C-alpha atoms as a PDB file:
ATOM      1  CA  UNK A   1     -22.271   3.885 -55.033  1.00  0.00           C
ATOM      2  CA  UNK A   2     -18.559   4.855 -54.938  1.00  0.00           C
ATOM      3  CA  UNK A   3     -19.343   7.435 -52.110  1.00  0.00           C
ATOM      4  CA  UNK A   4     -21.439   4.850 -50.167  1.00  0.00           C
ATOM      5  CA  UNK A   5     -18.498   2.288 -50.477  1.00  0.00           C
ATOM      6  CA  UNK A   6     -16.029   4.770 -49.235  1.00  0.00           C
ATOM      7  CA  UNK A   7     -18.333   5.726 -46.361  1.00  0.00           C
ATOM      8  CA  UNK A   8     -18.845   1.993 -45.459  1.00  0.00           C
ATOM      9  CA  UNK A   9     -15.087   1.416 -45.411  1.00  0.00           C
ATOM     10  CA  UNK A  10     -14.522   4.469 -43.180  1.00  0.00           C
ATOM     11  CA  UNK A  11     -17.149   3.227 -40.702  1.00  0.00           C
ATOM     12  CA  UNK A  12     -15.496  -0.180 -40.637  1.00  0.00           C
ATOM     13  CA  UNK A  13     -12.054   1.359 -40.082  1.00  0.00           C
ATOM     14  CA  UNK A  14     -13.463   3.599 -37.203  1.00  0.00           C
ATOM     15  CA  UNK A  15     -15.221   0.689 -35.567  1.00  0.00           C
ATOM     16  CA  UNK A  16     -12.096  -1.393 -35.722  1.00  0.00           C
ATOM     17  CA  UNK A  17      -9.948   1.353 -34.402  1.00  0.00           C
ATOM     18  CA  UNK A  18     -12.127   2.000 -31.491  1.00  0.00           C
ATOM     19  CA  UNK A  19     -12.408  -1.697 -30.579  1.00  0.00           C
ATOM     20  CA  UNK A  20      -8.686  -1.913 -30.148  1.00  0.00           C
ATOM     21  CA  UNK A  21      -8.696   0.451 -27.260  1.00  0.00           C
ATOM     22  CA  UNK A  22     -10.124  -0.872 -23.848  1.00  0.00           C
ATOM     23  CA  UNK A  23     -13.494   0.640 -23.183  1.00  0.00           C
ATOM     24  CA  UNK A  24     -14.209   2.224 -19.950  1.00  0.00           C
ATOM     25  CA  UNK A  25     -17.555   1.057 -18.752  1.00  0.00           C
ATOM     26  CA  UNK A  26     -17.540   3.199 -15.647  1.00  0.00           C
ATOM     27  CA  UNK A  27     -18.465   6.970 -15.514  1.00  0.00           C
ATOM     28  CA  UNK A  28     -15.899   7.309 -12.850  1.00  0.00           C
ATOM     29  CA  UNK A  29     -12.680   8.425 -14.462  1.00  0.00           C
ATOM     30  CA  UNK A  30      -9.802   6.073 -13.647  1.00  0.00           C
ATOM     31  CA  UNK A  31     -12.064   3.443 -11.930  1.00  0.00           C
ATOM     32  CA  UNK A  32      -9.814   0.742 -13.648  1.00  0.00           C
ATOM     33  CA  UNK A  33      -7.034   1.810 -11.068  1.00  0.00           C
ATOM     34  CA  UNK A  34      -8.873  -0.042  -8.257  1.00  0.00           C
ATOM     35  CA  UNK A  35      -8.468  -3.339  -9.977  1.00  0.00           C
ATOM     36  CA  UNK A  36      -4.941  -2.832 -11.389  1.00  0.00           C
ATOM     37  CA  UNK A  37      -3.545  -2.037  -7.911  1.00  0.00           C
ATOM     38  CA  UNK A  38      -4.554  -5.157  -6.172  1.00  0.00           C
ATOM     39  CA  UNK A  39      -1.821  -7.606  -5.325  1.00  0.00           C
ATOM     40  CA  UNK A  40       1.449  -8.034  -3.515  1.00  0.00           C
ATOM     41  CA  UNK A  41       3.954  -5.799  -5.235  1.00  0.00           C
ATOM     42  CA  UNK A  42       7.672  -6.478  -4.604  1.00  0.00           C
ATOM     43  CA  UNK A  43      10.489  -4.269  -5.858  1.00  0.00           C
ATOM     44  CA  UNK A  44      12.921  -1.470  -5.190  1.00  0.00           C
ATOM     45  CA  UNK A  45      12.123   2.093  -3.824  1.00  0.00           C
ATOM     46  CA  UNK A  46      14.164   5.364  -3.836  1.00  0.00           C
ATOM     47  CA  UNK A  47      13.200   7.697  -1.053  1.00  0.00           C
ATOM     48  CA  UNK A  48      14.563  10.730   0.808  1.00  0.00           C
ATOM     49  CA  UNK A  49      15.331   8.354   3.614  1.00  0.00           C
ATOM     50  CA  UNK A  50      17.507   6.005   1.587  1.00  0.00           C
ATOM     51  CA  UNK A  51      17.217   3.597  -1.316  1.00  0.00           C
ATOM     52  CA  UNK A  52      15.713   0.205  -0.551  1.00  0.00           C
ATOM     53  CA  UNK A  53      16.659  -2.892  -2.748  1.00  0.00           C
ATOM     54  CA  UNK A  54      13.618  -4.711  -1.373  1.00  0.00           C
ATOM     55  CA  UNK A  55      10.371  -3.092  -0.727  1.00  0.00           C
ATOM     56  CA  UNK A  56       6.676  -4.213  -0.828  1.00  0.00           C
ATOM     57  CA  UNK A  57       3.162  -2.838  -1.171  1.00  0.00           C
ATOM     58  CA  UNK A  58       0.349  -5.257  -0.362  1.00  0.00           C
ATOM     59  CA  UNK A  59      -2.824  -3.813  -1.922  1.00  0.00           C
ATOM     60  CA  UNK A  60      -6.115  -5.441  -0.989  1.00  0.00           C
ATOM     61  CA  UNK A  61      -9.771  -4.380  -0.827  1.00  0.00           C
ATOM     62  CA  UNK A  62     -11.197  -3.515   2.503  1.00  0.00           C
ATOM     63  CA  UNK A  63     -14.567  -2.502   1.087  1.00  0.00           C
ATOM     64  CA  UNK A  64     -16.490  -2.657  -2.165  1.00  0.00           C
ATOM     65  CA  UNK A  65     -14.639   0.386  -3.405  1.00  0.00           C
ATOM     66  CA  UNK A  66     -11.483   0.891  -1.406  1.00  0.00           C
ATOM     67  CA  UNK A  67      -8.036  -0.890  -1.677  1.00  0.00           C
ATOM     68  CA  UNK A  68      -5.419  -0.269   0.955  1.00  0.00           C
ATOM     69  CA  UNK A  69      -1.759  -0.897   1.735  1.00  0.00           C
ATOM     70  CA  UNK A  70       0.701   0.077   4.473  1.00  0.00           C
ATOM     71  CA  UNK A  71       4.499   0.145   4.706  1.00  0.00           C
ATOM     72  CA  UNK A  72       5.356  -0.258   8.404  1.00  0.00           C
ATOM     73  CA  UNK A  73       8.882   0.652   9.447  1.00  0.00           C
ATOM     74  CA  UNK A  74       8.715   0.835  13.213  1.00  0.00           C
ATOM     75  CA  UNK A  75       6.601   2.157  16.065  1.00  0.00           C
ATOM     76  CA  UNK A  76       4.848   5.420  14.880  1.00  0.00           C
ATOM     77  CA  UNK A  77       6.659   5.115  11.393  1.00  0.00           C
ATOM     78  CA  UNK A  78       4.449   4.016   8.549  1.00  0.00           C
ATOM     79  CA  UNK A  79       3.249   4.948   5.111  1.00  0.00           C
ATOM     80  CA  UNK A  80      -0.331   4.465   4.294  1.00  0.00           C
ATOM     81  CA  UNK A  81      -1.601   4.335   0.717  1.00  0.00           C
ATOM     82  CA  UNK A  82      -5.206   4.067   0.239  1.00  0.00           C
ATOM     83  CA  UNK A  83      -7.243   4.362  -3.057  1.00  0.00           C
ATOM     84  CA  UNK A  84     -11.023   4.607  -3.017  1.00  0.00           C
ATOM     85  CA  UNK A  85     -14.243   6.045  -4.649  1.00  0.00           C
ATOM     86  CA  UNK A  86     -15.423   9.186  -2.755  1.00  0.00           C
ATOM     87  CA  UNK A  87     -17.947  11.957  -3.110  1.00  0.00           C
ATOM     88  CA  UNK A  88     -15.958  15.060  -3.793  1.00  0.00           C
ATOM     89  CA  UNK A  89     -16.811  18.328  -5.590  1.00  0.00           C
ATOM     90  CA  UNK A  90     -20.336  17.062  -6.103  1.00  0.00           C
ATOM     91  CA  UNK A  91     -19.427  13.813  -7.905  1.00  0.00           C
ATOM     92  CA  UNK A  92     -18.011  10.424  -7.451  1.00  0.00           C
ATOM     93  CA  UNK A  93     -14.253  10.496  -8.052  1.00  0.00           C
ATOM     94  CA  UNK A  94     -11.188   8.201  -7.457  1.00  0.00           C
ATOM     95  CA  UNK A  95      -9.271   9.613  -4.462  1.00  0.00           C
ATOM     96  CA  UNK A  96      -6.312   8.567  -2.328  1.00  0.00           C
ATOM     97  CA  UNK A  97      -5.294   8.993   1.249  1.00  0.00           C
ATOM     98  CA  UNK A  98      -1.456   9.014   1.837  1.00  0.00           C
ATOM     99  CA  UNK A  99       0.290   9.489   5.079  1.00  0.00           C
ATOM    100  CA  UNK A 100       0.390   7.821   8.539  1.00  0.00           C
ATOM    101  CA  UNK A 101       2.983   8.427  11.189  1.00  0.00           C
ATOM    102  CA  UNK A 102       6.637   9.728  10.678  1.00  0.00           C
ATOM    103  CA  UNK A 103       8.703   9.644  13.900  1.00  0.00           C
ATOM    104  CA  UNK A 104       5.408  10.118  15.986  1.00  0.00           C
ATOM    105  CA  UNK A 105       4.306  13.112  13.655  1.00  0.00           C
ATOM    106  CA  UNK A 106       0.896  12.279  12.060  1.00  0.00           C
ATOM    107  CA  UNK A 107       0.149  13.388   8.530  1.00  0.00           C
ATOM    108  CA  UNK A 108      -2.426  12.585   5.967  1.00  0.00           C
ATOM    109  CA  UNK A 109      -2.812  14.140   2.477  1.00  0.00           C
ATOM    110  CA  UNK A 110      -5.671  13.566   0.236  1.00  0.00           C
ATOM    111  CA  UNK A 111      -5.444  13.364  -3.623  1.00  0.00           C
ATOM    112  CA  UNK A 112      -7.943  13.277  -6.317  1.00  0.00           C
ATOM    113  CA  UNK A 113      -7.552  11.549  -9.678  1.00  0.00           C
ATOM    114  CA  UNK A 114      -7.220  14.062 -12.711  1.00  0.00           C
ATOM    115  CA  UNK A 115      -5.660  11.855 -15.502  1.00  0.00           C
ATOM    116  CA  UNK A 116      -6.145   8.250 -16.701  1.00  0.00           C
ATOM    117  CA  UNK A 117      -4.777   6.855 -19.931  1.00  0.00           C
ATOM    118  CA  UNK A 118      -5.372   3.253 -20.707  1.00  0.00           C
ATOM    119  CA  UNK A 119      -4.347   1.249 -23.726  1.00  0.00           C
ATOM    120  CA  UNK A 120      -3.608  -2.442 -24.604  1.00  0.00           C
ATOM    121  CA  UNK A 121      -0.110  -2.534 -23.248  1.00  0.00           C
ATOM    122  CA  UNK A 122      -0.021   0.069 -20.475  1.00  0.00           C
ATOM    123  CA  UNK A 123      -1.967   2.458 -18.301  1.00  0.00           C
ATOM    124  CA  UNK A 124      -1.245   5.645 -16.558  1.00  0.00           C
ATOM    125  CA  UNK A 125      -3.067   7.404 -13.615  1.00  0.00           C
ATOM    126  CA  UNK A 126      -2.264  10.647 -11.916  1.00  0.00           C
ATOM    127  CA  UNK A 127      -3.825  11.863  -8.531  1.00  0.00           C
ATOM    128  CA  UNK A 128      -3.132  15.476  -7.438  1.00  0.00           C
ATOM    129  CA  UNK A 129      -3.464  17.219  -4.189  1.00  0.00           C
ATOM    130  CA  UNK A 130      -7.227  17.646  -3.581  1.00  0.00           C
ATOM    131  CA  UNK A 131      -6.803  21.310  -2.650  1.00  0.00           C
ATOM    132  CA  UNK A 132      -3.469  22.561  -4.245  1.00  0.00           C
ATOM    133  CA  UNK A 133      -3.454  20.418  -7.334  1.00  0.00           C
ATOM    134  CA  UNK A 134      -0.364  19.276  -9.265  1.00  0.00           C
ATOM    135  CA  UNK A 135       1.479  22.346  -8.218  1.00  0.00           C
ATOM    136  CA  UNK A 136       1.450  21.190  -4.562  1.00  0.00           C
ATOM    137  CA  UNK A 137       1.879  17.408  -4.936  1.00  0.00           C
ATOM    138  CA  UNK A 138       0.876  14.417  -6.986  1.00  0.00           C
ATOM    139  CA  UNK A 139       1.001  10.758  -7.322  1.00  0.00           C
ATOM    140  CA  UNK A 140       1.666   8.588 -10.318  1.00  0.00           C
ATOM    141  CA  UNK A 141       0.735   4.947 -10.969  1.00  0.00           C
ATOM    142  CA  UNK A 142       2.005   3.462 -14.256  1.00  0.00           C
ATOM    143  CA  UNK A 143       1.395  -0.100 -15.261  1.00  0.00           C
ATOM    144  CA  UNK A 144       3.767  -1.286 -18.097  1.00  0.00           C
ATOM    145  CA  UNK A 145       5.207  -4.749 -19.132  1.00  0.00           C
ATOM    146  CA  UNK A 146       3.834  -6.378 -16.077  1.00  0.00           C
ATOM    147  CA  UNK A 147       5.417  -3.829 -13.830  1.00  0.00           C
ATOM    148  CA  UNK A 148       4.030  -1.083 -11.436  1.00  0.00           C
ATOM    149  CA  UNK A 149       5.903   2.263 -11.360  1.00  0.00           C
ATOM    150  CA  UNK A 150       4.685   4.227  -8.432  1.00  0.00           C
ATOM    151  CA  UNK A 151       6.046   7.763  -7.969  1.00  0.00           C
ATOM    152  CA  UNK A 152       5.134  10.651  -5.749  1.00  0.00           C
ATOM    153  CA  UNK A 153       6.179  14.284  -6.111  1.00  0.00           C
ATOM    154  CA  UNK A 154       5.796  17.136  -3.684  1.00  0.00           C
ATOM    155  CA  UNK A 155       6.782  20.709  -3.071  1.00  0.00           C
ATOM    156  CA  UNK A 156       6.135  22.350   0.320  1.00  0.00           C
ATOM    157  CA  UNK A 157       6.304  25.791  -1.225  1.00  0.00           C
ATOM    158  CA  UNK A 158       3.298  25.074  -3.316  1.00  0.00           C
ATOM    159  CA  UNK A 159       5.001  25.949  -6.735  1.00  0.00           C
ATOM    160  CA  UNK A 160       5.850  22.649  -8.152  1.00  0.00           C
ATOM    161  CA  UNK A 161       7.203  24.135 -11.448  1.00  0.00           C
ATOM    162  CA  UNK A 162       9.734  21.314 -11.735  1.00  0.00           C
ATOM    163  CA  UNK A 163       8.727  17.948 -10.257  1.00  0.00           C
ATOM    164  CA  UNK A 164      10.491  17.123  -6.991  1.00  0.00           C
ATOM    165  CA  UNK A 165      10.612  13.297  -6.527  1.00  0.00           C
ATOM    166  CA  UNK A 166       9.597  12.081  -3.120  1.00  0.00           C
ATOM    167  CA  UNK A 167       9.398   8.410  -3.671  1.00  0.00           C
ATOM    168  CA  UNK A 168       9.930   6.100  -6.749  1.00  0.00           C
ATOM    169  CA  UNK A 169       8.987   2.475  -6.527  1.00  0.00           C
ATOM    170  CA  UNK A 170       9.335  -0.106  -9.352  1.00  0.00           C
ATOM    171  CA  UNK A 171       7.983  -3.728  -8.728  1.00  0.00           C
ATOM    172  CA  UNK A 172       6.051  -6.713 -10.000  1.00  0.00           C
ATOM    173  CA  UNK A 173       2.859  -8.288  -8.683  1.00  0.00           C
ATOM    174  CA  UNK A 174       4.463 -11.400  -7.115  1.00  0.00           C
ATOM    175  CA  UNK A 175       1.246 -12.558  -5.397  1.00  0.00           C
ATOM    176  CA  UNK A 176      -1.913 -11.265  -6.942  1.00  0.00           C
ATOM    177  CA  UNK A 177      -3.814 -14.076  -5.168  1.00  0.00           C
ATOM    178  CA  UNK A 178      -3.292 -12.354  -1.843  1.00  0.00           C
ATOM    179  CA  UNK A 179      -6.024  -9.921  -2.703  1.00  0.00           C
ATOM    180  CA  UNK A 180      -8.536 -12.603  -4.135  1.00  0.00           C
ATOM    181  CA  UNK A 181     -10.382 -13.494  -0.963  1.00  0.00           C
ATOM    182  CA  UNK A 182     -11.369  -9.757  -0.446  1.00  0.00           C
ATOM    183  CA  UNK A 183     -12.199  -9.280  -4.140  1.00  0.00           C
ATOM    184  CA  UNK A 184     -14.608 -12.018  -3.975  1.00  0.00           C
ATOM    185  CA  UNK A 185     -16.076 -11.088  -0.602  1.00  0.00           C
ATOM    186  CA  UNK A 186     -16.741  -7.475  -1.623  1.00  0.00           C
ATOM    187  CA  UNK A 187     -17.310  -8.137  -5.355  1.00  0.00           C
ATOM    188  CA  UNK A 188     -14.727  -5.598  -5.923  1.00  0.00           C
ATOM    189  CA  UNK A 189     -14.774  -2.906  -7.231  1.00  0.00           C
ATOM    190  CA  UNK A 190     -18.114  -1.424  -7.263  1.00  0.00           C
ATOM    191  CA  UNK A 191     -19.311   2.100  -8.040  1.00  0.00           C
ATOM    192  CA  UNK A 192     -20.336   3.176  -4.485  1.00  0.00           C
ATOM    193  CA  UNK A 193     -18.712   5.832  -2.536  1.00  0.00           C
ATOM    194  CA  UNK A 194     -16.593   4.813   0.459  1.00  0.00           C
ATOM    195  CA  UNK A 195     -16.637   8.302   2.067  1.00  0.00           C
ATOM    196  CA  UNK A 196     -17.997  11.699   1.507  1.00  0.00           C
ATOM    197  CA  UNK A 197     -15.350  14.253   1.247  1.00  0.00           C
ATOM    198  CA  UNK A 198     -17.437  17.094  -0.031  1.00  0.00           C
ATOM    199  CA  UNK A 199     -16.620  20.226   2.039  1.00  0.00           C
ATOM    200  CA  UNK A 200     -14.106  18.413   4.244  1.00  0.00           C
ATOM    201  CA  UNK A 201     -10.938  20.574   3.256  1.00  0.00           C
ATOM    202  CA  UNK A 202     -11.637  23.600   5.138  1.00  0.00           C
ATOM    203  CA  UNK A 203      -9.696  25.490   7.975  1.00  0.00           C
ATOM    204  CA  UNK A 204      -6.514  23.597   6.857  1.00  0.00           C
ATOM    205  CA  UNK A 205      -3.157  23.882   8.515  1.00  0.00           C
ATOM    206  CA  UNK A 206      -1.953  24.575   5.005  1.00  0.00           C
ATOM    207  CA  UNK A 207      -4.358  26.532   2.819  1.00  0.00           C
ATOM    208  CA  UNK A 208      -2.800  25.121  -0.327  1.00  0.00           C
ATOM    209  CA  UNK A 209      -3.010  21.403   0.526  1.00  0.00           C
ATOM    210  CA  UNK A 210      -5.481  18.859   1.685  1.00  0.00           C
ATOM    211  CA  UNK A 211      -3.132  17.977   4.450  1.00  0.00           C
ATOM    212  CA  UNK A 212      -3.964  16.989   8.126  1.00  0.00           C
ATOM    213  CA  UNK A 213      -1.424  16.904  11.039  1.00  0.00           C
ATOM    214  CA  UNK A 214      -4.053  15.956  13.742  1.00  0.00           C
ATOM    215  CA  UNK A 215      -5.634  12.531  13.483  1.00  0.00           C
ATOM    216  CA  UNK A 216      -8.792  13.963  15.349  1.00  0.00           C
ATOM    217  CA  UNK A 217      -9.347  16.330  12.490  1.00  0.00           C
ATOM    218  CA  UNK A 218      -8.687  13.744   9.692  1.00  0.00           C
ATOM    219  CA  UNK A 219     -12.043  13.396   7.769  1.00  0.00           C
ATOM    220  CA  UNK A 220     -11.302   9.687   7.039  1.00  0.00           C
ATOM    221  CA  UNK A 221      -9.310   8.432  10.011  1.00  0.00           C
ATOM    222  CA  UNK A 222      -8.208   4.839  10.855  1.00  0.00           C
ATOM    223  CA  UNK A 223     -11.426   4.426  13.028  1.00  0.00           C
ATOM    224  CA  UNK A 224     -13.541   4.700   9.953  1.00  0.00           C
ATOM    225  CA  UNK A 225     -11.726   2.061   7.935  1.00  0.00           C
ATOM    226  CA  UNK A 226     -13.498  -1.415   8.186  1.00  0.00           C
ATOM    227  CA  UNK A 227     -12.258  -4.959   7.706  1.00  0.00           C
ATOM    228  CA  UNK A 228      -8.600  -4.516   8.652  1.00  0.00           C
ATOM    229  CA  UNK A 229      -7.381  -5.490  12.155  1.00  0.00           C
ATOM    230  CA  UNK A 230      -4.621  -4.870  14.736  1.00  0.00           C
ATOM    231  CA  UNK A 231      -2.088  -7.242  16.142  1.00  0.00           C
ATOM    232  CA  UNK A 232      -0.083  -6.732  19.287  1.00  0.00           C
ATOM    233  CA  UNK A 233       2.957  -8.993  19.817  1.00  0.00           C
ATOM    234  CA  UNK A 234       4.348  -9.457  23.313  1.00  0.00           C
ATOM    235  CA  UNK A 235       8.031  -9.959  23.034  1.00  0.00           C
ATOM    236  CA  UNK A 236       9.804 -12.377  25.353  1.00  0.00           C
ATOM    237  CA  UNK A 237      13.508 -12.055  24.897  1.00  0.00           C
ATOM    238  CA  UNK A 238      16.127 -14.669  25.730  1.00  0.00           C
ATOM    239  CA  UNK A 239      19.356 -13.541  27.206  1.00  0.00           C
ATOM    240  CA  UNK A 240      21.105 -13.225  23.903  1.00  0.00           C
ATOM    241  CA  UNK A 241      18.158 -11.095  22.625  1.00  0.00           C
ATOM    242  CA  UNK A 242      17.973  -8.684  25.754  1.00  0.00           C
ATOM    243  CA  UNK A 243      18.189  -5.032  24.905  1.00  0.00           C
ATOM    244  CA  UNK A 244      19.028  -5.555  21.287  1.00  0.00           C
ATOM    245  CA  UNK A 245      17.411  -4.123  18.069  1.00  0.00           C
ATOM    246  CA  UNK A 246      15.259  -6.761  16.260  1.00  0.00           C
ATOM    247  CA  UNK A 247      13.404  -7.122  13.165  1.00  0.00           C
ATOM    248  CA  UNK A 248       9.806  -8.378  12.910  1.00  0.00           C
ATOM    249  CA  UNK A 249       8.664 -10.008   9.675  1.00  0.00           C
ATOM    250  CA  UNK A 250       5.011 -10.853   8.847  1.00  0.00           C
ATOM    251  CA  UNK A 251       4.610 -13.302   6.022  1.00  0.00           C
ATOM    252  CA  UNK A 252       2.175 -15.760   4.397  1.00  0.00           C
ATOM    253  CA  UNK A 253       4.607 -18.683   4.610  1.00  0.00           C
ATOM    254  CA  UNK A 254       7.061 -19.675   7.275  1.00  0.00           C
ATOM    255  CA  UNK A 255      10.523 -18.210   7.168  1.00  0.00           C
ATOM    256  CA  UNK A 256      12.248 -20.463   9.841  1.00  0.00           C
ATOM    257  CA  UNK A 257      11.045 -24.076  10.134  1.00  0.00           C
ATOM    258  CA  UNK A 258      10.969 -26.202  13.421  1.00  0.00           C
ATOM    259  CA  UNK A 259      14.278 -27.831  12.287  1.00  0.00           C
ATOM    260  CA  UNK A 260      15.845 -24.285  11.984  1.00  0.00           C
ATOM    261  CA  UNK A 261      16.039 -24.150   8.241  1.00  0.00           C
ATOM    262  CA  UNK A 262      15.686 -20.565   6.803  1.00  0.00           C
ATOM    263  CA  UNK A 263      13.528 -20.359   3.628  1.00  0.00           C
ATOM    264  CA  UNK A 264      15.104 -17.701   1.431  1.00  0.00           C
ATOM    265  CA  UNK A 265      12.453 -18.052  -1.208  1.00  0.00           C
ATOM    266  CA  UNK A 266       9.707 -17.143   1.317  1.00  0.00           C
ATOM    267  CA  UNK A 267      11.736 -14.170   2.580  1.00  0.00           C
ATOM    268  CA  UNK A 268      12.020 -12.920  -0.960  1.00  0.00           C
ATOM    269  CA  UNK A 269       8.436 -13.488  -2.062  1.00  0.00           C
ATOM    270  CA  UNK A 270       6.112 -14.010   0.860  1.00  0.00           C
ATOM    271  CA  UNK A 271       6.946 -11.250   3.343  1.00  0.00           C
ATOM    272  CA  UNK A 272       4.317  -8.489   3.544  1.00  0.00           C
ATOM    273  CA  UNK A 273       5.890  -6.333   6.406  1.00  0.00           C
ATOM    274  CA  UNK A 274       9.456  -5.814   7.690  1.00  0.00           C
ATOM    275  CA  UNK A 275       9.373  -3.822  10.926  1.00  0.00           C
ATOM    276  CA  UNK A 276      12.233  -2.645  13.315  1.00  0.00           C
ATOM    277  CA  UNK A 277      11.742  -3.399  16.971  1.00  0.00           C
ATOM    278  CA  UNK A 278      13.587  -1.014  19.288  1.00  0.00           C
ATOM    279  CA  UNK A 279      15.911  -2.519  22.061  1.00  0.00           C
ATOM    280  CA  UNK A 280      13.634  -1.346  24.783  1.00  0.00           C
ATOM    281  CA  UNK A 281      10.255  -2.446  23.232  1.00  0.00           C
ATOM    282  CA  UNK A 282       8.533  -5.295  25.002  1.00  0.00           C
ATOM    283  CA  UNK A 283       5.473  -5.112  22.877  1.00  0.00           C
ATOM    284  CA  UNK A 284       4.651  -3.975  19.351  1.00  0.00           C
ATOM    285  CA  UNK A 285       1.295  -3.099  17.838  1.00  0.00           C
ATOM    286  CA  UNK A 286       0.943  -3.602  14.005  1.00  0.00           C
ATOM    287  CA  UNK A 287      -2.198  -1.933  12.494  1.00  0.00           C
ATOM    288  CA  UNK A 288      -4.278  -1.992   9.239  1.00  0.00           C
ATOM    289  CA  UNK A 289      -3.513  -5.824   8.992  1.00  0.00           C
ATOM    290  CA  UNK A 290      -5.506  -7.527   6.246  1.00  0.00           C
ATOM    291  CA  UNK A 291      -7.323 -10.657   7.358  1.00  0.00           C
ATOM    292  CA  UNK A 292      -5.394 -13.684   6.498  1.00  0.00           C
ATOM    293  CA  UNK A 293      -3.277 -16.554   7.819  1.00  0.00           C
ATOM    294  CA  UNK A 294       0.210 -15.350   8.663  1.00  0.00           C
ATOM    295  CA  UNK A 295       3.571 -16.419  10.065  1.00  0.00           C
ATOM    296  CA  UNK A 296       5.295 -14.208  12.524  1.00  0.00           C
ATOM    297  CA  UNK A 297       9.079 -14.145  12.800  1.00  0.00           C
ATOM    298  CA  UNK A 298      11.313 -11.896  15.133  1.00  0.00           C
ATOM    299  CA  UNK A 299      15.084 -11.979  15.033  1.00  0.00           C
ATOM    300  CA  UNK A 300      18.207 -10.268  16.148  1.00  0.00           C
ATOM    301  CA  UNK A 301      20.181  -9.469  13.069  1.00  0.00           C
ATOM    302  CA  UNK A 302      23.575 -10.177  14.448  1.00  0.00           C
ATOM    303  CA  UNK A 303      25.216 -10.144  10.995  1.00  0.00           C
ATOM    304  CA  UNK A 304      23.131  -7.131   9.746  1.00  0.00           C
ATOM    305  CA  UNK A 305      22.098  -8.720   6.560  1.00  0.00           C
ATOM    306  CA  UNK A 306      18.418  -7.843   7.086  1.00  0.00           C
ATOM    307  CA  UNK A 307      17.297 -11.498   6.980  1.00  0.00           C
ATOM    308  CA  UNK A 308      17.201 -14.249   9.501  1.00  0.00           C
ATOM    309  CA  UNK A 309      20.500 -16.246   8.986  1.00  0.00           C
ATOM    310  CA  UNK A 310      23.027 -18.446  10.836  1.00  0.00           C
ATOM    311  CA  UNK A 311      23.935 -17.042  14.307  1.00  0.00           C
ATOM    312  CA  UNK A 312      20.964 -14.773  14.623  1.00  0.00           C
ATOM    313  CA  UNK A 313      18.660 -15.200  17.673  1.00  0.00           C
ATOM    314  CA  UNK A 314      15.069 -15.756  16.500  1.00  0.00           C
ATOM    315  CA  UNK A 315      11.805 -17.691  16.951  1.00  0.00           C
ATOM    316  CA  UNK A 316      10.524 -20.527  14.992  1.00  0.00           C
ATOM    317  CA  UNK A 317       8.033 -18.971  12.628  1.00  0.00           C
ATOM    318  CA  UNK A 318       4.690 -19.127  14.387  1.00  0.00           C
ATOM    319  CA  UNK A 319       1.272 -19.126  12.699  1.00  0.00           C
ATOM    320  CA  UNK A 320      -1.557 -16.887  13.390  1.00  0.00           C
ATOM    321  CA  UNK A 321      -5.109 -16.295  11.866  1.00  0.00           C
ATOM    322  CA  UNK A 322      -6.256 -12.724  11.630  1.00  0.00           C
ATOM    323  CA  UNK A 323     -10.077 -12.248  11.436  1.00  0.00           C
ATOM    324  CA  UNK A 324     -11.579  -9.007  10.215  1.00  0.00           C
ATOM    325  CA  UNK A 325     -11.939  -5.993  12.613  1.00  0.00           C
ATOM    326  CA  UNK A 326     -10.312  -7.536  15.554  1.00  0.00           C
ATOM    327  CA  UNK A 327      -7.433  -6.728  17.874  1.00  0.00           C
ATOM    328  CA  UNK A 328      -5.495  -9.678  19.213  1.00  0.00           C
ATOM    329  CA  UNK A 329      -2.344 -10.477  21.095  1.00  0.00           C
ATOM    330  CA  UNK A 330       0.314 -13.035  20.474  1.00  0.00           C
ATOM    331  CA  UNK A 331       3.393 -13.818  22.449  1.00  0.00           C
ATOM    332  CA  UNK A 332       6.700 -14.415  20.637  1.00  0.00           C
ATOM    333  CA  UNK A 333       9.665 -16.037  22.521  1.00  0.00           C
ATOM    334  CA  UNK A 334      13.019 -14.885  20.942  1.00  0.00           C
ATOM    335  CA  UNK A 335      15.519 -17.451  22.209  1.00  0.00           C
ATOM    336  CA  UNK A 336      16.624 -19.690  19.428  1.00  0.00           C
ATOM    337  CA  UNK A 337      19.904 -19.528  17.684  1.00  0.00           C
ATOM    338  CA  UNK A 338      19.736 -20.277  13.992  1.00  0.00           C
ATOM    339  CA  UNK A 339      22.281 -22.944  13.095  1.00  0.00           C
END
């Protein structure tokens, strides 16, 4: 009886201990990352190109197993972060596509998830270069105390003995609701493969990395991404905005009202993209835009404080609706002086 009692107590303790840890109901390692990433993350970012006190990632599903975000700095200068289920190495795995355009140079690197640690208070995911592994490059997503810590490490020599930080973002999910319509539409996430990447990383420009420098050779190019759209803005500059650098903000709420008031709260919490417009540009094409209702604001930043403010030449924020998989044009007239 004594031994049976001890055995019963041990079984109860083991059962209790196991129940305290979140259970992974998916056979796909790290499948929970797809859910945790969704939302409008705002925070700070340290990069080789400078430190940014305000930075954002707007992750939303674009299929039943694919969430996507893009940072867009200027023409042919963006950072794509895409996480999805893929067929790779003969099984379904969580993978990522990171890249885009940098000063008109195309690059796209593919990563595969190799670590996932989940408990009640935090979670950690690591994705490594799909060819070179962690010695070549890796990405970390850590969720802790309602914050996202998103870091990237790389080493072009392929000998990452000591981590070389390439990006370090820390932010909070200010607007999880931005992703909700797409979550509902796709019943996201589902255990279906978005793309087959088996045997796609051959004849590489770098034999130690799943890196592509030619979009025509990319196994999962922009043309294969559904649901997202393109928007081309036609810039009509007033005299005070002629031949000047401007900033283009896309937001879910207006930044400049018809009476000229600037809404600082909306600037801090509702902007999804901040884009440089060069002095000679008469049009601008923004890509990978999630379907939604937006406001478009363009301004000459005369006081160089990176937000529309008194004395800047701008437009009254104008609304636009983006439907899935479309390319539309919108004219913006920049001739209003903010009082």
